[in-house]
């Protein structure tokens, strides 16, 4: 008598399951895995290698100044950008053309050139204008013959401030375009409704337009902040002792170029990745808020 054996189940995945697995593998952020492995390798060296430990101790001293330069310059650039955006949309021909001229000129000049121009041309010229103002005020008796405005010298202006001013002027032009696009994206019907309610221009901007526009432009402004963080390294050409200059000085003294610039690159990469994740989180929150 023959005994029948139970039929074995086919364990081979179906084409649909295979497709899902393939898509998940394709969508997996392998680059994140690479960065994590690189980070683990460098952190291990920081903890175990005396050379890397000495480098990170020296270079990390510039992180605080890098953050200060970036935050202050970005705050000024946002103010400049908002005012310039209003100027571009102004009905006054002079104001509109001056604002547009500023945006076009600044966007056409490399950041490094603008840093040198601001530090060595704009700031000294501004000091001369302040001296002239002090002299004129003294001549009409408004100030003492020897006043603070006349005694101000370009040497009194720190190069950290000059670098911050240069970055603010540069990113102010880009922020202006972001603000202008965000404000103009608001439906004209809302502006007409505001006028019908008796709101003036300032009230309309403050209560109706800007709250909506800011929600839309926060992600691109966040990307500008990340870009400014990276380009803050350029102020090292003025002798500002941020991360890049600290690393360059250490490498020049020790000749440990690979180890030093590995550390500098790791610090910048860590800061930009953290900020990038913050920007993406903010984008998701804003999208969720709009869906509600």
C-alpha atoms as a PDB file:
ATOM      1  CA  UNK A   1       0.000   0.000   0.000  1.00  0.00           C
ATOM      2  CA  UNK A   2       1.532   3.295  -1.080  1.00  0.00           C
ATOM      3  CA  UNK A   3       1.648   6.269   1.283  1.00  0.00           C
ATOM      4  CA  UNK A   4       1.019   9.655  -0.265  1.00  0.00           C
ATOM      5  CA  UNK A   5       3.374  12.435   0.764  1.00  0.00           C
ATOM      6  CA  UNK A   6       1.944  15.875   1.465  1.00  0.00           C
ATOM      7  CA  UNK A   7       2.610  18.459  -1.208  1.00  0.00           C
ATOM      8  CA  UNK A   8       5.363  20.898  -0.223  1.00  0.00           C
ATOM      9  CA  UNK A   9       4.550  24.578  -0.330  1.00  0.00           C
ATOM     10  CA  UNK A  10       6.369  26.696  -2.883  1.00  0.00           C
ATOM     11  CA  UNK A  11       8.516  29.089  -0.821  1.00  0.00           C
ATOM     12  CA  UNK A  12       9.679  31.059  -3.850  1.00  0.00           C
ATOM     13  CA  UNK A  13       8.560  34.703  -3.508  1.00  0.00           C
ATOM     14  CA  UNK A  14       5.971  35.896  -5.944  1.00  0.00           C
ATOM     15  CA  UNK A  15       6.898  38.488  -8.601  1.00  0.00           C
ATOM     16  CA  UNK A  16       4.996  41.157  -6.637  1.00  0.00           C
ATOM     17  CA  UNK A  17       7.016  40.451  -3.481  1.00  0.00           C
ATOM     18  CA  UNK A  18      10.252  40.447  -5.484  1.00  0.00           C
ATOM     19  CA  UNK A  19       9.332  43.795  -6.984  1.00  0.00           C
ATOM     20  CA  UNK A  20       8.646  45.265  -3.546  1.00  0.00           C
ATOM     21  CA  UNK A  21      11.968  43.995  -2.215  1.00  0.00           C
ATOM     22  CA  UNK A  22      13.805  45.398  -5.232  1.00  0.00           C
ATOM     23  CA  UNK A  23      12.118  48.787  -4.834  1.00  0.00           C
ATOM     24  CA  UNK A  24      12.941  48.941  -1.140  1.00  0.00           C
ATOM     25  CA  UNK A  25      16.571  48.092  -1.804  1.00  0.00           C
ATOM     26  CA  UNK A  26      16.687  50.716  -4.538  1.00  0.00           C
ATOM     27  CA  UNK A  27      15.118  53.348  -2.284  1.00  0.00           C
ATOM     28  CA  UNK A  28      17.283  52.522   0.721  1.00  0.00           C
ATOM     29  CA  UNK A  29      19.585  55.476   1.532  1.00  0.00           C
ATOM     30  CA  UNK A  30      22.892  53.650   1.087  1.00  0.00           C
ATOM     31  CA  UNK A  31      24.684  56.993   1.203  1.00  0.00           C
ATOM     32  CA  UNK A  32      23.585  57.377   4.826  1.00  0.00           C
ATOM     33  CA  UNK A  33      25.173  54.030   5.634  1.00  0.00           C
ATOM     34  CA  UNK A  34      28.420  55.158   4.017  1.00  0.00           C
ATOM     35  CA  UNK A  35      28.433  58.413   5.994  1.00  0.00           C
ATOM     36  CA  UNK A  36      27.704  56.544   9.227  1.00  0.00           C
ATOM     37  CA  UNK A  37      30.604  54.163   8.606  1.00  0.00           C
ATOM     38  CA  UNK A  38      32.867  57.110   7.823  1.00  0.00           C
ATOM     39  CA  UNK A  39      31.714  58.865  10.972  1.00  0.00           C
ATOM     40  CA  UNK A  40      32.343  55.777  13.109  1.00  0.00           C
ATOM     41  CA  UNK A  41      35.833  55.458  11.632  1.00  0.00           C
ATOM     42  CA  UNK A  42      36.706  59.097  12.349  1.00  0.00           C
ATOM     43  CA  UNK A  43      35.186  59.092  15.831  1.00  0.00           C
ATOM     44  CA  UNK A  44      37.149  55.931  16.624  1.00  0.00           C
ATOM     45  CA  UNK A  45      40.332  57.716  15.535  1.00  0.00           C
ATOM     46  CA  UNK A  46      39.432  60.770  17.612  1.00  0.00           C
ATOM     47  CA  UNK A  47      39.134  58.540  20.671  1.00  0.00           C
ATOM     48  CA  UNK A  48      42.125  56.256  20.127  1.00  0.00           C
ATOM     49  CA  UNK A  49      44.622  58.157  17.970  1.00  0.00           C
ATOM     50  CA  UNK A  50      46.601  60.847  19.790  1.00  0.00           C
ATOM     51  CA  UNK A  51      47.192  62.754  16.550  1.00  0.00           C
ATOM     52  CA  UNK A  52      43.500  62.962  15.649  1.00  0.00           C
ATOM     53  CA  UNK A  53      42.688  63.817  19.254  1.00  0.00           C
ATOM     54  CA  UNK A  54      45.097  66.743  19.174  1.00  0.00           C
ATOM     55  CA  UNK A  55      43.685  67.936  15.838  1.00  0.00           C
ATOM     56  CA  UNK A  56      40.059  67.837  16.951  1.00  0.00           C
ATOM     57  CA  UNK A  57      40.962  69.659  20.176  1.00  0.00           C
ATOM     58  CA  UNK A  58      42.601  72.440  18.171  1.00  0.00           C
ATOM     59  CA  UNK A  59      40.169  72.732  15.277  1.00  0.00           C
ATOM     60  CA  UNK A  60      36.942  72.472  17.257  1.00  0.00           C
ATOM     61  CA  UNK A  61      37.813  75.784  18.898  1.00  0.00           C
ATOM     62  CA  UNK A  62      36.731  77.434  15.648  1.00  0.00           C
ATOM     63  CA  UNK A  63      33.282  75.809  15.617  1.00  0.00           C
ATOM     64  CA  UNK A  64      31.863  78.385  18.024  1.00  0.00           C
ATOM     65  CA  UNK A  65      33.025  81.278  15.827  1.00  0.00           C
ATOM     66  CA  UNK A  66      31.723  79.524  12.706  1.00  0.00           C
ATOM     67  CA  UNK A  67      28.278  79.184  14.266  1.00  0.00           C
ATOM     68  CA  UNK A  68      28.278  82.803  15.485  1.00  0.00           C
ATOM     69  CA  UNK A  69      29.286  84.146  12.058  1.00  0.00           C
ATOM     70  CA  UNK A  70      26.637  82.046  10.321  1.00  0.00           C
ATOM     71  CA  UNK A  71      23.759  82.857  12.685  1.00  0.00           C
ATOM     72  CA  UNK A  72      24.434  86.609  12.856  1.00  0.00           C
ATOM     73  CA  UNK A  73      25.050  86.942   9.114  1.00  0.00           C
ATOM     74  CA  UNK A  74      21.908  84.971   8.313  1.00  0.00           C
ATOM     75  CA  UNK A  75      19.794  87.129  10.632  1.00  0.00           C
ATOM     76  CA  UNK A  76      21.044  90.278   8.882  1.00  0.00           C
ATOM     77  CA  UNK A  77      20.543  88.701   5.449  1.00  0.00           C
ATOM     78  CA  UNK A  78      16.904  87.904   6.260  1.00  0.00           C
ATOM     79  CA  UNK A  79      16.265  91.517   7.244  1.00  0.00           C
ATOM     80  CA  UNK A  80      18.033  92.808   4.125  1.00  0.00           C
ATOM     81  CA  UNK A  81      16.198  90.290   1.956  1.00  0.00           C
ATOM     82  CA  UNK A  82      12.757  91.183   3.316  1.00  0.00           C
ATOM     83  CA  UNK A  83      13.311  94.923   2.870  1.00  0.00           C
ATOM     84  CA  UNK A  84      14.732  94.381  -0.617  1.00  0.00           C
ATOM     85  CA  UNK A  85      11.754  92.202  -1.581  1.00  0.00           C
ATOM     86  CA  UNK A  86       9.392  94.985  -0.542  1.00  0.00           C
ATOM     87  CA  UNK A  87      11.536  97.391  -2.558  1.00  0.00           C
ATOM     88  CA  UNK A  88      11.314  95.202  -5.665  1.00  0.00           C
ATOM     89  CA  UNK A  89       7.529  95.140  -5.385  1.00  0.00           C
ATOM     90  CA  UNK A  90       7.283  98.859  -4.643  1.00  0.00           C
ATOM     91  CA  UNK A  91       5.354 101.133  -6.997  1.00  0.00           C
ATOM     92  CA  UNK A  92       8.043 103.766  -6.534  1.00  0.00           C
ATOM     93  CA  UNK A  93      10.232 103.588  -9.630  1.00  0.00           C
ATOM     94  CA  UNK A  94      13.431 104.688  -7.843  1.00  0.00           C
ATOM     95  CA  UNK A  95      13.078 102.243  -4.937  1.00  0.00           C
ATOM     96  CA  UNK A  96      12.116  99.385  -7.244  1.00  0.00           C
ATOM     97  CA  UNK A  97      15.088  99.919  -9.550  1.00  0.00           C
ATOM     98  CA  UNK A  98      17.565 100.352  -6.682  1.00  0.00           C
ATOM     99  CA  UNK A  99      16.378  97.113  -5.078  1.00  0.00           C
ATOM    100  CA  UNK A 100      16.549  95.238  -8.382  1.00  0.00           C
ATOM    101  CA  UNK A 101      20.002  96.694  -9.105  1.00  0.00           C
ATOM    102  CA  UNK A 102      21.282  95.460  -5.743  1.00  0.00           C
ATOM    103  CA  UNK A 103      19.957  91.945  -6.359  1.00  0.00           C
ATOM    104  CA  UNK A 104      21.357  91.704  -9.877  1.00  0.00           C
ATOM    105  CA  UNK A 105      24.801  93.019  -8.939  1.00  0.00           C
ATOM    106  CA  UNK A 106      25.267  90.903  -5.830  1.00  0.00           C
ATOM    107  CA  UNK A 107      24.038  87.708  -7.482  1.00  0.00           C
ATOM    108  CA  UNK A 108      26.582  88.234 -10.265  1.00  0.00           C
ATOM    109  CA  UNK A 109      29.634  88.575  -7.988  1.00  0.00           C
ATOM    110  CA  UNK A 110      31.440  85.525  -6.538  1.00  0.00           C
ATOM    111  CA  UNK A 111      31.228  85.298  -2.762  1.00  0.00           C
ATOM    112  CA  UNK A 112      35.010  85.390  -2.300  1.00  0.00           C
ATOM    113  CA  UNK A 113      35.324  88.557  -4.368  1.00  0.00           C
ATOM    114  CA  UNK A 114      32.464  90.144  -2.450  1.00  0.00           C
ATOM    115  CA  UNK A 115      34.144  89.305   0.864  1.00  0.00           C
ATOM    116  CA  UNK A 116      37.333  91.082  -0.209  1.00  0.00           C
ATOM    117  CA  UNK A 117      35.363  93.999  -1.667  1.00  0.00           C
ATOM    118  CA  UNK A 118      33.261  94.429   1.458  1.00  0.00           C
ATOM    119  CA  UNK A 119      36.178  94.143   3.872  1.00  0.00           C
ATOM    120  CA  UNK A 120      38.657  96.290   1.953  1.00  0.00           C
ATOM    121  CA  UNK A 121      36.461  98.729   0.007  1.00  0.00           C
ATOM    122  CA  UNK A 122      32.942  99.071   1.418  1.00  0.00           C
ATOM    123  CA  UNK A 123      33.915  99.185   5.110  1.00  0.00           C
ATOM    124  CA  UNK A 124      36.748 101.761   4.669  1.00  0.00           C
ATOM    125  CA  UNK A 125      34.448 103.855   2.459  1.00  0.00           C
ATOM    126  CA  UNK A 126      31.744 103.688   5.118  1.00  0.00           C
ATOM    127  CA  UNK A 127      34.255 104.829   7.755  1.00  0.00           C
ATOM    128  CA  UNK A 128      35.197 107.812   5.573  1.00  0.00           C
ATOM    129  CA  UNK A 129      31.528 108.761   5.245  1.00  0.00           C
ATOM    130  CA  UNK A 130      31.108 108.527   9.035  1.00  0.00           C
ATOM    131  CA  UNK A 131      34.190 110.739   9.502  1.00  0.00           C
ATOM    132  CA  UNK A 132      32.776 113.257   7.045  1.00  0.00           C
ATOM    133  CA  UNK A 133      29.453 113.252   8.884  1.00  0.00           C
ATOM    134  CA  UNK A 134      31.231 113.860  12.178  1.00  0.00           C
ATOM    135  CA  UNK A 135      33.206 116.709  10.656  1.00  0.00           C
ATOM    136  CA  UNK A 136      30.067 118.337   9.262  1.00  0.00           C
ATOM    137  CA  UNK A 137      28.191 117.992  12.548  1.00  0.00           C
ATOM    138  CA  UNK A 138      31.174 119.551  14.329  1.00  0.00           C
ATOM    139  CA  UNK A 139      31.233 122.440  11.846  1.00  0.00           C
ATOM    140  CA  UNK A 140      27.611 123.355  12.597  1.00  0.00           C
ATOM    141  CA  UNK A 141      28.137 122.983  16.341  1.00  0.00           C
ATOM    142  CA  UNK A 142      26.031 119.853  16.755  1.00  0.00           C
ATOM    143  CA  UNK A 143      29.031 117.886  18.057  1.00  0.00           C
ATOM    144  CA  UNK A 144      32.339 118.696  19.704  1.00  0.00           C
ATOM    145  CA  UNK A 145      35.315 119.411  17.405  1.00  0.00           C
ATOM    146  CA  UNK A 146      36.858 116.102  18.473  1.00  0.00           C
ATOM    147  CA  UNK A 147      33.999 113.610  18.428  1.00  0.00           C
ATOM    148  CA  UNK A 148      33.742 109.845  18.190  1.00  0.00           C
ATOM    149  CA  UNK A 149      32.578 109.946  14.574  1.00  0.00           C
ATOM    150  CA  UNK A 150      35.688 111.816  13.438  1.00  0.00           C
ATOM    151  CA  UNK A 151      38.059 109.599  15.426  1.00  0.00           C
ATOM    152  CA  UNK A 152      36.615 106.349  14.079  1.00  0.00           C
ATOM    153  CA  UNK A 153      39.162 104.399  12.015  1.00  0.00           C
ATOM    154  CA  UNK A 154      38.962 101.360   9.760  1.00  0.00           C
ATOM    155  CA  UNK A 155      41.315  99.647  12.177  1.00  0.00           C
ATOM    156  CA  UNK A 156      38.569  99.770  14.793  1.00  0.00           C
ATOM    157  CA  UNK A 157      36.345  97.516  12.667  1.00  0.00           C
ATOM    158  CA  UNK A 158      37.043  93.866  13.431  1.00  0.00           C
ATOM    159  CA  UNK A 159      37.440  91.501  10.477  1.00  0.00           C
ATOM    160  CA  UNK A 160      34.854  89.173  11.991  1.00  0.00           C
ATOM    161  CA  UNK A 161      32.279  91.943  11.545  1.00  0.00           C
ATOM    162  CA  UNK A 162      33.506  92.551   7.988  1.00  0.00           C
ATOM    163  CA  UNK A 163      33.066  88.879   7.146  1.00  0.00           C
ATOM    164  CA  UNK A 164      29.582  88.838   8.682  1.00  0.00           C
ATOM    165  CA  UNK A 165      28.646  91.957   6.709  1.00  0.00           C
ATOM    166  CA  UNK A 166      29.912  90.429   3.452  1.00  0.00           C
ATOM    167  CA  UNK A 167      27.913  87.219   3.930  1.00  0.00           C
ATOM    168  CA  UNK A 168      24.813  89.198   4.915  1.00  0.00           C
ATOM    169  CA  UNK A 169      25.059  91.390   1.810  1.00  0.00           C
ATOM    170  CA  UNK A 170      25.560  88.351  -0.401  1.00  0.00           C
ATOM    171  CA  UNK A 171      22.730  86.224   0.978  1.00  0.00           C
ATOM    172  CA  UNK A 172      20.458  89.237   1.364  1.00  0.00           C
ATOM    173  CA  UNK A 173      20.131  89.299  -2.427  1.00  0.00           C
ATOM    174  CA  UNK A 174      19.182  85.626  -2.578  1.00  0.00           C
ATOM    175  CA  UNK A 175      16.796  85.949   0.378  1.00  0.00           C
ATOM    176  CA  UNK A 176      15.120  88.860  -1.405  1.00  0.00           C
ATOM    177  CA  UNK A 177      14.179  86.601  -4.308  1.00  0.00           C
ATOM    178  CA  UNK A 178      12.876  83.958  -1.912  1.00  0.00           C
ATOM    179  CA  UNK A 179      10.738  86.497  -0.039  1.00  0.00           C
ATOM    180  CA  UNK A 180       9.474  88.067  -3.248  1.00  0.00           C
ATOM    181  CA  UNK A 181       8.421  84.707  -4.665  1.00  0.00           C
ATOM    182  CA  UNK A 182       6.725  83.740  -1.411  1.00  0.00           C
ATOM    183  CA  UNK A 183       4.798  87.004  -1.114  1.00  0.00           C
ATOM    184  CA  UNK A 184       3.714  86.967  -4.743  1.00  0.00           C
ATOM    185  CA  UNK A 185       2.488  83.369  -4.382  1.00  0.00           C
ATOM    186  CA  UNK A 186      -0.315  84.543  -2.102  1.00  0.00           C
ATOM    187  CA  UNK A 187      -3.604  84.738  -4.001  1.00  0.00           C
ATOM    188  CA  UNK A 188      -4.658  88.245  -5.015  1.00  0.00           C
ATOM    189  CA  UNK A 189      -8.158  87.531  -3.710  1.00  0.00           C
ATOM    190  CA  UNK A 190      -6.801  87.620  -0.154  1.00  0.00           C
ATOM    191  CA  UNK A 191      -5.292  91.049  -0.773  1.00  0.00           C
ATOM    192  CA  UNK A 192      -8.576  92.311  -2.128  1.00  0.00           C
ATOM    193  CA  UNK A 193     -10.421  90.850   0.851  1.00  0.00           C
ATOM    194  CA  UNK A 194      -7.997  92.614   3.203  1.00  0.00           C
ATOM    195  CA  UNK A 195      -8.665  95.928   1.505  1.00  0.00           C
ATOM    196  CA  UNK A 196     -12.392  95.292   1.753  1.00  0.00           C
ATOM    197  CA  UNK A 197     -11.988  94.770   5.494  1.00  0.00           C
ATOM    198  CA  UNK A 198     -10.280  98.138   5.775  1.00  0.00           C
ATOM    199  CA  UNK A 199      -6.747  96.866   6.432  1.00  0.00           C
ATOM    200  CA  UNK A 200      -3.910  99.092   5.297  1.00  0.00           C
ATOM    201  CA  UNK A 201      -0.801  97.784   3.509  1.00  0.00           C
ATOM    202  CA  UNK A 202       1.225  97.211   6.673  1.00  0.00           C
ATOM    203  CA  UNK A 203      -1.636  95.388   8.391  1.00  0.00           C
ATOM    204  CA  UNK A 204      -2.242  93.269   5.296  1.00  0.00           C
ATOM    205  CA  UNK A 205       1.397  92.219   5.156  1.00  0.00           C
ATOM    206  CA  UNK A 206       1.683  91.586   8.894  1.00  0.00           C
ATOM    207  CA  UNK A 207      -1.613  89.788   9.446  1.00  0.00           C
ATOM    208  CA  UNK A 208      -2.437  88.125   6.131  1.00  0.00           C
ATOM    209  CA  UNK A 209       0.443  87.830   3.652  1.00  0.00           C
ATOM    210  CA  UNK A 210       3.617  87.265   5.677  1.00  0.00           C
ATOM    211  CA  UNK A 211       2.254  84.501   7.974  1.00  0.00           C
ATOM    212  CA  UNK A 212       1.322  82.450   4.892  1.00  0.00           C
ATOM    213  CA  UNK A 213       4.397  83.375   2.860  1.00  0.00           C
ATOM    214  CA  UNK A 214       6.790  82.464   5.667  1.00  0.00           C
ATOM    215  CA  UNK A 215       5.329  78.946   5.842  1.00  0.00           C
ATOM    216  CA  UNK A 216       6.111  78.519   2.149  1.00  0.00           C
ATOM    217  CA  UNK A 217       9.607  80.005   2.176  1.00  0.00           C
ATOM    218  CA  UNK A 218      10.952  78.440   5.369  1.00  0.00           C
ATOM    219  CA  UNK A 219      12.417  75.387   3.555  1.00  0.00           C
ATOM    220  CA  UNK A 220      14.374  77.429   0.961  1.00  0.00           C
ATOM    221  CA  UNK A 221      15.523  79.798   3.706  1.00  0.00           C
ATOM    222  CA  UNK A 222      16.720  76.761   5.647  1.00  0.00           C
ATOM    223  CA  UNK A 223      18.706  75.631   2.617  1.00  0.00           C
ATOM    224  CA  UNK A 224      20.235  79.107   2.389  1.00  0.00           C
ATOM    225  CA  UNK A 225      21.264  78.824   6.034  1.00  0.00           C
ATOM    226  CA  UNK A 226      23.037  75.541   5.294  1.00  0.00           C
ATOM    227  CA  UNK A 227      24.788  77.088   2.296  1.00  0.00           C
ATOM    228  CA  UNK A 228      25.878  80.051   4.409  1.00  0.00           C
ATOM    229  CA  UNK A 229      27.313  77.693   7.024  1.00  0.00           C
ATOM    230  CA  UNK A 230      29.523  76.126   4.375  1.00  0.00           C
ATOM    231  CA  UNK A 231      30.479  79.418   2.745  1.00  0.00           C
ATOM    232  CA  UNK A 232      31.352  80.925   6.113  1.00  0.00           C
ATOM    233  CA  UNK A 233      34.645  79.089   5.603  1.00  0.00           C
ATOM    234  CA  UNK A 234      35.536  81.764   3.044  1.00  0.00           C
ATOM    235  CA  UNK A 235      35.876  84.428   5.741  1.00  0.00           C
ATOM    236  CA  UNK A 236      39.079  82.626   6.726  1.00  0.00           C
ATOM    237  CA  UNK A 237      40.773  84.654   3.974  1.00  0.00           C
ATOM    238  CA  UNK A 238      40.311  87.690   6.260  1.00  0.00           C
ATOM    239  CA  UNK A 239      42.088  85.976   9.135  1.00  0.00           C
ATOM    240  CA  UNK A 240      38.897  85.029  10.978  1.00  0.00           C
ATOM    241  CA  UNK A 241      39.836  82.009  13.094  1.00  0.00           C
ATOM    242  CA  UNK A 242      36.885  79.773  12.328  1.00  0.00           C
ATOM    243  CA  UNK A 243      37.140  76.049  11.606  1.00  0.00           C
ATOM    244  CA  UNK A 244      38.847  76.319   8.222  1.00  0.00           C
ATOM    245  CA  UNK A 245      41.579  78.712   9.325  1.00  0.00           C
ATOM    246  CA  UNK A 246      42.206  76.710  12.502  1.00  0.00           C
ATOM    247  CA  UNK A 247      42.670  73.610  10.374  1.00  0.00           C
ATOM    248  CA  UNK A 248      44.865  75.363   7.820  1.00  0.00           C
ATOM    249  CA  UNK A 249      47.166  76.746  10.498  1.00  0.00           C
ATOM    250  CA  UNK A 250      47.450  73.375  12.210  1.00  0.00           C
ATOM    251  CA  UNK A 251      48.198  71.580   8.936  1.00  0.00           C
ATOM    252  CA  UNK A 252      50.835  74.172   7.978  1.00  0.00           C
ATOM    253  CA  UNK A 253      52.594  73.714  11.320  1.00  0.00           C
ATOM    254  CA  UNK A 254      52.366  69.910  11.556  1.00  0.00           C
ATOM    255  CA  UNK A 255      52.280  68.874   7.860  1.00  0.00           C
ATOM    256  CA  UNK A 256      49.457  66.450   8.780  1.00  0.00           C
ATOM    257  CA  UNK A 257      47.280  67.489   5.859  1.00  0.00           C
ATOM    258  CA  UNK A 258      45.149  64.318   5.402  1.00  0.00           C
ATOM    259  CA  UNK A 259      44.327  63.976   9.108  1.00  0.00           C
ATOM    260  CA  UNK A 260      43.647  67.692   9.554  1.00  0.00           C
ATOM    261  CA  UNK A 261      41.379  68.135   6.567  1.00  0.00           C
ATOM    262  CA  UNK A 262      39.605  64.856   7.339  1.00  0.00           C
ATOM    263  CA  UNK A 263      38.700  66.427  10.675  1.00  0.00           C
ATOM    264  CA  UNK A 264      37.667  69.771   9.163  1.00  0.00           C
ATOM    265  CA  UNK A 265      35.508  68.059   6.542  1.00  0.00           C
ATOM    266  CA  UNK A 266      33.925  65.830   9.207  1.00  0.00           C
ATOM    267  CA  UNK A 267      32.977  68.845  11.357  1.00  0.00           C
ATOM    268  CA  UNK A 268      31.346  70.665   8.449  1.00  0.00           C
ATOM    269  CA  UNK A 269      29.606  67.494   7.287  1.00  0.00           C
ATOM    270  CA  UNK A 270      28.241  66.844  10.775  1.00  0.00           C
ATOM    271  CA  UNK A 271      26.843  70.366  11.079  1.00  0.00           C
ATOM    272  CA  UNK A 272      25.291  70.400   7.607  1.00  0.00           C
ATOM    273  CA  UNK A 273      23.719  66.946   8.012  1.00  0.00           C
ATOM    274  CA  UNK A 274      22.103  67.944  11.293  1.00  0.00           C
ATOM    275  CA  UNK A 275      20.738  71.113   9.706  1.00  0.00           C
ATOM    276  CA  UNK A 276      19.575  69.207   6.602  1.00  0.00           C
ATOM    277  CA  UNK A 277      17.606  66.789   8.757  1.00  0.00           C
ATOM    278  CA  UNK A 278      16.093  69.764  10.561  1.00  0.00           C
ATOM    279  CA  UNK A 279      15.037  71.345   7.261  1.00  0.00           C
ATOM    280  CA  UNK A 280      13.465  68.089   6.031  1.00  0.00           C
ATOM    281  CA  UNK A 281      11.608  67.676   9.329  1.00  0.00           C
ATOM    282  CA  UNK A 282      10.345  71.246   8.997  1.00  0.00           C
ATOM    283  CA  UNK A 283       9.172  70.577   5.423  1.00  0.00           C
ATOM    284  CA  UNK A 284       7.204  67.525   6.533  1.00  0.00           C
ATOM    285  CA  UNK A 285       5.601  69.451   9.395  1.00  0.00           C
ATOM    286  CA  UNK A 286       4.608  72.267   7.061  1.00  0.00           C
ATOM    287  CA  UNK A 287       3.146  69.834   4.517  1.00  0.00           C
ATOM    288  CA  UNK A 288       1.172  68.135   7.286  1.00  0.00           C
ATOM    289  CA  UNK A 289      -0.114  71.488   8.479  1.00  0.00           C
ATOM    290  CA  UNK A 290      -1.270  72.470   4.977  1.00  0.00           C
ATOM    291  CA  UNK A 291      -3.069  69.141   4.512  1.00  0.00           C
ATOM    292  CA  UNK A 292      -5.030  69.754   7.697  1.00  0.00           C
END
